[in-house]
């Protein structure tokens, strides 16, 4: 499933203000129901993670994890993945396992929101 990207600062701020935050050891996932339809993904890697080479490596790893994911992501939800400085020193496998776990937790939360609002 192809996800479009969150691009503007206002989209990221909307997800932060109206979404659920799920924290892991190396990553944080923010999940929010978008104002417009469709799923979108945003990845944030701040300067605290490292220099440009390190930040880009972390970003490329996260994009590849999302691209190769076999399980479906949350349809009709915006996802923002925020990398912590520890993400720079961890392995690809560890990042993949953590992001998958966060997505599963978010899926459970989103399903409970959908059933309670119906």
N, C-alpha and C. Protein backbone atom coordinates (compact mmCIF):
# COMPACT_ATOMS: atom_id res chain seq x y z
N UNK A 1 0.84 -1.17 0.00
CA UNK A 1 0.00 0.00 0.00
C UNK A 1 0.89 1.24 0.00
N UNK A 2 0.66 2.12 -0.91
CA UNK A 2 1.46 3.33 -1.06
C UNK A 2 0.90 4.41 -0.15
N UNK A 3 1.76 4.98 0.66
CA UNK A 3 1.37 6.09 1.52
C UNK A 3 1.88 7.38 0.91
N UNK A 4 1.03 8.41 0.92
CA UNK A 4 1.54 9.72 0.54
C UNK A 4 2.26 10.31 1.74
N UNK A 5 2.91 11.43 1.53
CA UNK A 5 3.76 11.99 2.57
C UNK A 5 3.13 13.22 3.20
N UNK A 6 3.39 13.39 4.47
CA UNK A 6 3.10 14.66 5.12
C UNK A 6 4.19 15.61 4.69
N UNK A 7 3.83 16.78 4.24
CA UNK A 7 4.84 17.68 3.68
C UNK A 7 4.95 19.01 4.42
N UNK A 8 3.83 19.56 4.85
CA UNK A 8 3.88 20.90 5.42
C UNK A 8 3.98 20.86 6.95
N UNK A 9 4.52 21.91 7.49
CA UNK A 9 4.65 22.01 8.94
C UNK A 9 3.30 21.94 9.62
N UNK A 10 2.29 22.54 8.99
CA UNK A 10 0.96 22.53 9.59
C UNK A 10 0.40 21.11 9.69
N UNK A 11 0.73 20.25 8.73
CA UNK A 11 0.29 18.85 8.80
C UNK A 11 0.93 18.14 9.99
N UNK A 12 2.22 18.37 10.19
CA UNK A 12 2.92 17.76 11.32
C UNK A 12 2.37 18.29 12.65
N UNK A 13 2.11 19.59 12.71
CA UNK A 13 1.57 20.18 13.94
C UNK A 13 0.17 19.68 14.23
N UNK A 14 -0.63 19.46 13.18
CA UNK A 14 -1.98 18.93 13.35
C UNK A 14 -1.92 17.53 13.95
N UNK A 15 -1.01 16.70 13.44
CA UNK A 15 -0.86 15.35 13.97
C UNK A 15 -0.41 15.38 15.43
N UNK A 16 0.44 16.32 15.76
CA UNK A 16 0.93 16.44 17.13
C UNK A 16 -0.19 16.87 18.07
N UNK A 17 -1.01 17.81 17.63
CA UNK A 17 -2.05 18.36 18.49
C UNK A 17 -3.26 17.44 18.63
N UNK A 18 -3.61 16.73 17.57
CA UNK A 18 -4.85 15.96 17.57
C UNK A 18 -4.65 14.45 17.59
N UNK A 19 -3.43 14.00 17.76
CA UNK A 19 -3.16 12.57 17.65
C UNK A 19 -2.75 11.93 18.95
N UNK A 20 -2.49 10.66 18.85
CA UNK A 20 -2.02 9.83 19.96
C UNK A 20 -0.53 9.62 19.79
N UNK A 21 0.22 9.76 20.89
CA UNK A 21 1.66 9.55 20.86
C UNK A 21 1.98 8.19 21.46
N UNK A 22 2.75 7.40 20.74
CA UNK A 22 3.21 6.10 21.20
C UNK A 22 4.73 6.12 21.19
N UNK A 23 5.33 5.93 22.34
CA UNK A 23 6.78 6.05 22.46
C UNK A 23 7.42 4.68 22.58
N UNK A 24 8.51 4.52 21.85
CA UNK A 24 9.36 3.34 21.95
C UNK A 24 10.72 3.76 22.46
N UNK A 25 11.67 2.87 22.37
CA UNK A 25 13.01 3.15 22.85
C UNK A 25 13.78 4.09 21.92
N UNK A 26 13.62 3.90 20.60
CA UNK A 26 14.35 4.68 19.62
C UNK A 26 13.47 5.60 18.78
N UNK A 27 12.15 5.35 18.81
CA UNK A 27 11.21 6.07 17.95
C UNK A 27 9.97 6.48 18.72
N UNK A 28 9.30 7.49 18.21
CA UNK A 28 7.98 7.85 18.68
C UNK A 28 7.07 7.87 17.46
N UNK A 29 5.85 7.40 17.64
CA UNK A 29 4.88 7.39 16.56
C UNK A 29 3.69 8.24 16.99
N UNK A 30 3.32 9.19 16.15
CA UNK A 30 2.13 9.99 16.37
C UNK A 30 1.10 9.58 15.33
N UNK A 31 -0.11 9.29 15.79
CA UNK A 31 -1.18 8.83 14.92
C UNK A 31 -2.34 9.79 15.06
N UNK A 32 -2.83 10.30 13.93
CA UNK A 32 -3.94 11.25 13.96
C UNK A 32 -4.86 11.01 12.78
N UNK A 33 -6.14 11.23 13.00
CA UNK A 33 -7.12 11.18 11.91
C UNK A 33 -6.93 12.45 11.09
N UNK A 34 -6.65 12.33 9.79
CA UNK A 34 -6.37 13.53 8.99
C UNK A 34 -7.64 14.33 8.70
N UNK A 35 -7.45 15.61 8.44
CA UNK A 35 -8.57 16.47 8.04
C UNK A 35 -9.07 16.06 6.66
N UNK A 36 -8.15 15.68 5.78
CA UNK A 36 -8.53 15.17 4.46
C UNK A 36 -8.37 13.66 4.46
N UNK A 37 -9.00 12.98 3.51
CA UNK A 37 -8.96 11.53 3.47
C UNK A 37 -7.61 10.99 3.05
N UNK A 38 -7.41 9.71 3.29
CA UNK A 38 -6.19 9.05 2.85
C UNK A 38 -5.14 8.96 3.95
N UNK A 39 -4.23 8.01 3.79
CA UNK A 39 -3.14 7.82 4.74
C UNK A 39 -1.92 8.60 4.28
N UNK A 40 -1.23 9.17 5.25
CA UNK A 40 0.00 9.88 4.92
C UNK A 40 1.04 9.55 5.98
N UNK A 41 2.30 9.64 5.59
CA UNK A 41 3.41 9.34 6.48
C UNK A 41 4.37 10.51 6.51
N UNK A 42 4.84 10.84 7.69
CA UNK A 42 5.87 11.85 7.87
C UNK A 42 6.99 11.28 8.72
N UNK A 43 8.22 11.60 8.40
CA UNK A 43 9.37 11.15 9.17
C UNK A 43 10.16 12.37 9.61
N UNK A 44 10.44 12.44 10.91
CA UNK A 44 11.19 13.56 11.47
C UNK A 44 12.44 13.03 12.14
N UNK A 45 13.59 13.56 11.72
CA UNK A 45 14.87 13.21 12.32
C UNK A 45 15.56 14.54 12.61
N UNK A 46 15.62 14.92 13.88
CA UNK A 46 16.16 16.23 14.23
C UNK A 46 17.68 16.23 14.29
N UNK A 47 18.25 17.39 14.47
CA UNK A 47 19.71 17.53 14.55
C UNK A 47 20.29 16.87 15.78
N UNK A 48 19.45 16.60 16.77
CA UNK A 48 19.93 15.92 17.98
C UNK A 48 20.40 14.50 17.66
N UNK A 49 19.90 13.93 16.56
CA UNK A 49 20.26 12.57 16.18
C UNK A 49 21.70 12.51 15.70
N UNK A 50 22.16 13.53 15.01
CA UNK A 50 23.53 13.54 14.53
C UNK A 50 23.69 14.51 13.37
N UNK A 51 24.83 14.41 12.70
CA UNK A 51 25.07 15.30 11.56
C UNK A 51 24.21 14.85 10.36
N UNK A 52 24.32 15.53 9.25
CA UNK A 52 23.46 15.27 8.10
C UNK A 52 23.60 13.84 7.58
N UNK A 53 24.80 13.31 7.60
CA UNK A 53 25.01 11.95 7.11
C UNK A 53 24.25 10.95 7.98
N UNK A 54 24.34 11.12 9.27
CA UNK A 54 23.67 10.22 10.21
C UNK A 54 22.15 10.37 10.11
N UNK A 55 21.67 11.60 10.06
CA UNK A 55 20.22 11.83 9.96
C UNK A 55 19.66 11.21 8.68
N UNK A 56 20.36 11.39 7.57
CA UNK A 56 19.89 10.83 6.31
C UNK A 56 19.90 9.30 6.32
N UNK A 57 20.89 8.71 6.99
CA UNK A 57 20.93 7.26 7.10
C UNK A 57 19.72 6.74 7.87
N UNK A 58 19.41 7.40 8.99
CA UNK A 58 18.24 7.00 9.79
C UNK A 58 16.97 7.18 8.97
N UNK A 59 16.86 8.29 8.27
CA UNK A 59 15.66 8.55 7.45
C UNK A 59 15.51 7.51 6.35
N UNK A 60 16.61 7.16 5.68
CA UNK A 60 16.56 6.14 4.62
C UNK A 60 16.14 4.78 5.18
N UNK A 61 16.66 4.43 6.35
CA UNK A 61 16.28 3.17 6.98
C UNK A 61 14.78 3.14 7.27
N UNK A 62 14.26 4.21 7.83
CA UNK A 62 12.84 4.26 8.17
C UNK A 62 11.97 4.19 6.92
N UNK A 63 12.37 4.89 5.87
CA UNK A 63 11.61 4.83 4.61
C UNK A 63 11.62 3.42 4.03
N UNK A 64 12.74 2.74 4.12
CA UNK A 64 12.84 1.38 3.59
C UNK A 64 11.99 0.41 4.41
N UNK A 65 11.95 0.60 5.71
CA UNK A 65 11.11 -0.24 6.56
C UNK A 65 9.65 -0.09 6.15
N UNK A 66 9.22 1.12 5.93
CA UNK A 66 7.84 1.37 5.51
C UNK A 66 7.59 0.78 4.13
N UNK A 67 8.53 0.94 3.23
CA UNK A 67 8.35 0.45 1.86
C UNK A 67 8.23 -1.07 1.81
N UNK A 68 9.03 -1.75 2.62
CA UNK A 68 9.06 -3.21 2.57
C UNK A 68 8.04 -3.87 3.50
N UNK A 69 7.28 -3.10 4.21
CA UNK A 69 6.34 -3.67 5.18
C UNK A 69 5.32 -4.58 4.50
N UNK A 70 5.17 -5.76 5.04
CA UNK A 70 4.21 -6.71 4.47
C UNK A 70 2.82 -6.49 5.04
N UNK A 71 2.74 -6.08 6.31
CA UNK A 71 1.43 -5.84 6.91
C UNK A 71 0.91 -4.47 6.48
N UNK A 72 -0.39 -4.33 6.39
CA UNK A 72 -0.95 -3.03 5.98
C UNK A 72 -0.80 -2.00 7.10
N UNK A 73 -0.55 -0.78 6.70
CA UNK A 73 -0.48 0.31 7.67
C UNK A 73 -1.89 0.75 7.99
N UNK A 74 -2.03 1.73 8.80
CA UNK A 74 -3.36 2.20 9.20
C UNK A 74 -4.01 2.98 8.07
N UNK A 75 -5.08 2.47 7.49
CA UNK A 75 -5.75 3.24 6.43
C UNK A 75 -6.50 4.42 7.05
N UNK A 76 -6.49 5.51 6.34
CA UNK A 76 -7.22 6.72 6.76
C UNK A 76 -6.66 7.35 8.03
N UNK A 77 -5.37 7.18 8.30
CA UNK A 77 -4.73 7.81 9.45
C UNK A 77 -3.40 8.41 9.00
N UNK A 78 -3.04 9.55 9.61
CA UNK A 78 -1.72 10.14 9.40
C UNK A 78 -0.76 9.55 10.42
N UNK A 79 0.43 9.21 9.97
CA UNK A 79 1.47 8.67 10.85
C UNK A 79 2.69 9.57 10.78
N UNK A 80 3.21 9.93 11.95
CA UNK A 80 4.45 10.70 12.03
C UNK A 80 5.43 9.87 12.85
N UNK A 81 6.57 9.55 12.25
CA UNK A 81 7.62 8.79 12.93
C UNK A 81 8.71 9.78 13.32
N UNK A 82 9.01 9.83 14.61
CA UNK A 82 10.04 10.73 15.12
C UNK A 82 11.19 9.87 15.66
N UNK A 83 12.39 10.12 15.16
CA UNK A 83 13.56 9.36 15.59
C UNK A 83 14.25 10.08 16.75
N UNK A 84 14.61 9.30 17.76
CA UNK A 84 15.39 9.82 18.88
C UNK A 84 16.87 9.63 18.59
N UNK A 85 17.75 10.31 19.32
CA UNK A 85 19.19 10.18 19.07
C UNK A 85 19.69 8.73 19.12
N UNK A 86 19.05 7.88 19.92
CA UNK A 86 19.47 6.48 20.03
C UNK A 86 19.26 5.72 18.72
N UNK A 87 18.39 6.23 17.85
CA UNK A 87 18.12 5.57 16.57
C UNK A 87 19.36 5.54 15.67
N UNK A 88 20.28 6.46 15.88
CA UNK A 88 21.48 6.53 15.04
C UNK A 88 22.43 5.37 15.31
N UNK A 89 22.41 4.81 16.50
CA UNK A 89 23.37 3.76 16.86
C UNK A 89 22.76 2.37 16.86
N UNK A 90 21.48 2.26 16.60
CA UNK A 90 20.84 0.95 16.63
C UNK A 90 20.86 0.30 15.24
N UNK A 91 20.54 -0.96 15.19
CA UNK A 91 20.57 -1.70 13.93
C UNK A 91 19.26 -1.51 13.16
N UNK A 92 19.33 -1.84 11.89
CA UNK A 92 18.15 -1.78 11.03
C UNK A 92 17.07 -2.72 11.56
N UNK A 93 17.46 -3.90 11.96
CA UNK A 93 16.51 -4.89 12.46
C UNK A 93 15.79 -4.38 13.71
N UNK A 94 16.53 -3.76 14.61
CA UNK A 94 15.94 -3.22 15.82
C UNK A 94 14.94 -2.11 15.50
N UNK A 95 15.30 -1.24 14.55
CA UNK A 95 14.36 -0.19 14.14
C UNK A 95 13.10 -0.78 13.52
N UNK A 96 13.28 -1.80 12.69
CA UNK A 96 12.13 -2.45 12.04
C UNK A 96 11.20 -3.08 13.07
N UNK A 97 11.76 -3.79 14.04
CA UNK A 97 10.94 -4.43 15.07
C UNK A 97 10.20 -3.39 15.90
N UNK A 98 10.89 -2.32 16.25
CA UNK A 98 10.25 -1.29 17.07
C UNK A 98 9.14 -0.57 16.31
N UNK A 99 9.39 -0.22 15.07
CA UNK A 99 8.36 0.47 14.29
C UNK A 99 7.16 -0.44 14.06
N UNK A 100 7.39 -1.72 13.81
CA UNK A 100 6.29 -2.67 13.65
C UNK A 100 5.48 -2.77 14.92
N UNK A 101 6.15 -2.82 16.06
CA UNK A 101 5.46 -2.89 17.35
C UNK A 101 4.62 -1.63 17.59
N UNK A 102 5.19 -0.46 17.28
CA UNK A 102 4.45 0.79 17.46
C UNK A 102 3.24 0.85 16.55
N UNK A 103 3.38 0.37 15.33
CA UNK A 103 2.25 0.35 14.39
C UNK A 103 1.16 -0.57 14.91
N UNK A 104 1.53 -1.73 15.45
CA UNK A 104 0.53 -2.65 16.00
C UNK A 104 -0.20 -2.01 17.18
N UNK A 105 0.54 -1.33 18.05
CA UNK A 105 -0.10 -0.63 19.17
C UNK A 105 -1.03 0.46 18.67
N UNK A 106 -0.60 1.19 17.65
CA UNK A 106 -1.44 2.24 17.08
C UNK A 106 -2.68 1.66 16.43
N UNK A 107 -2.53 0.51 15.79
CA UNK A 107 -3.67 -0.14 15.15
C UNK A 107 -4.72 -0.51 16.20
N UNK A 108 -4.28 -1.05 17.32
CA UNK A 108 -5.20 -1.37 18.40
C UNK A 108 -5.90 -0.13 18.93
N UNK A 109 -5.15 0.94 19.09
CA UNK A 109 -5.73 2.19 19.57
C UNK A 109 -6.73 2.75 18.55
N UNK A 110 -6.38 2.74 17.28
CA UNK A 110 -7.25 3.27 16.23
C UNK A 110 -8.54 2.45 16.12
N UNK A 111 -8.42 1.13 16.24
CA UNK A 111 -9.61 0.27 16.18
C UNK A 111 -10.54 0.54 17.35
N UNK A 112 -9.97 0.76 18.54
CA UNK A 112 -10.81 1.06 19.70
C UNK A 112 -11.48 2.43 19.55
N UNK A 113 -10.77 3.38 18.94
CA UNK A 113 -11.38 4.70 18.68
C UNK A 113 -12.52 4.60 17.70
N UNK A 114 -12.33 3.79 16.66
CA UNK A 114 -13.35 3.65 15.62
C UNK A 114 -14.59 2.96 16.18
N UNK A 115 -14.40 1.94 17.03
CA UNK A 115 -15.55 1.22 17.57
C UNK A 115 -16.27 2.04 18.63
N UNK A 116 -15.57 2.87 19.38
CA UNK A 116 -16.22 3.68 20.42
C UNK A 116 -16.95 4.89 19.82
N UNK A 117 -16.52 5.37 18.65
CA UNK A 117 -17.17 6.51 18.05
C UNK A 117 -18.37 6.12 17.19
N UNK A 118 -18.52 4.81 16.91
CA UNK A 118 -19.65 4.35 16.10
C UNK A 118 -20.90 4.22 16.91
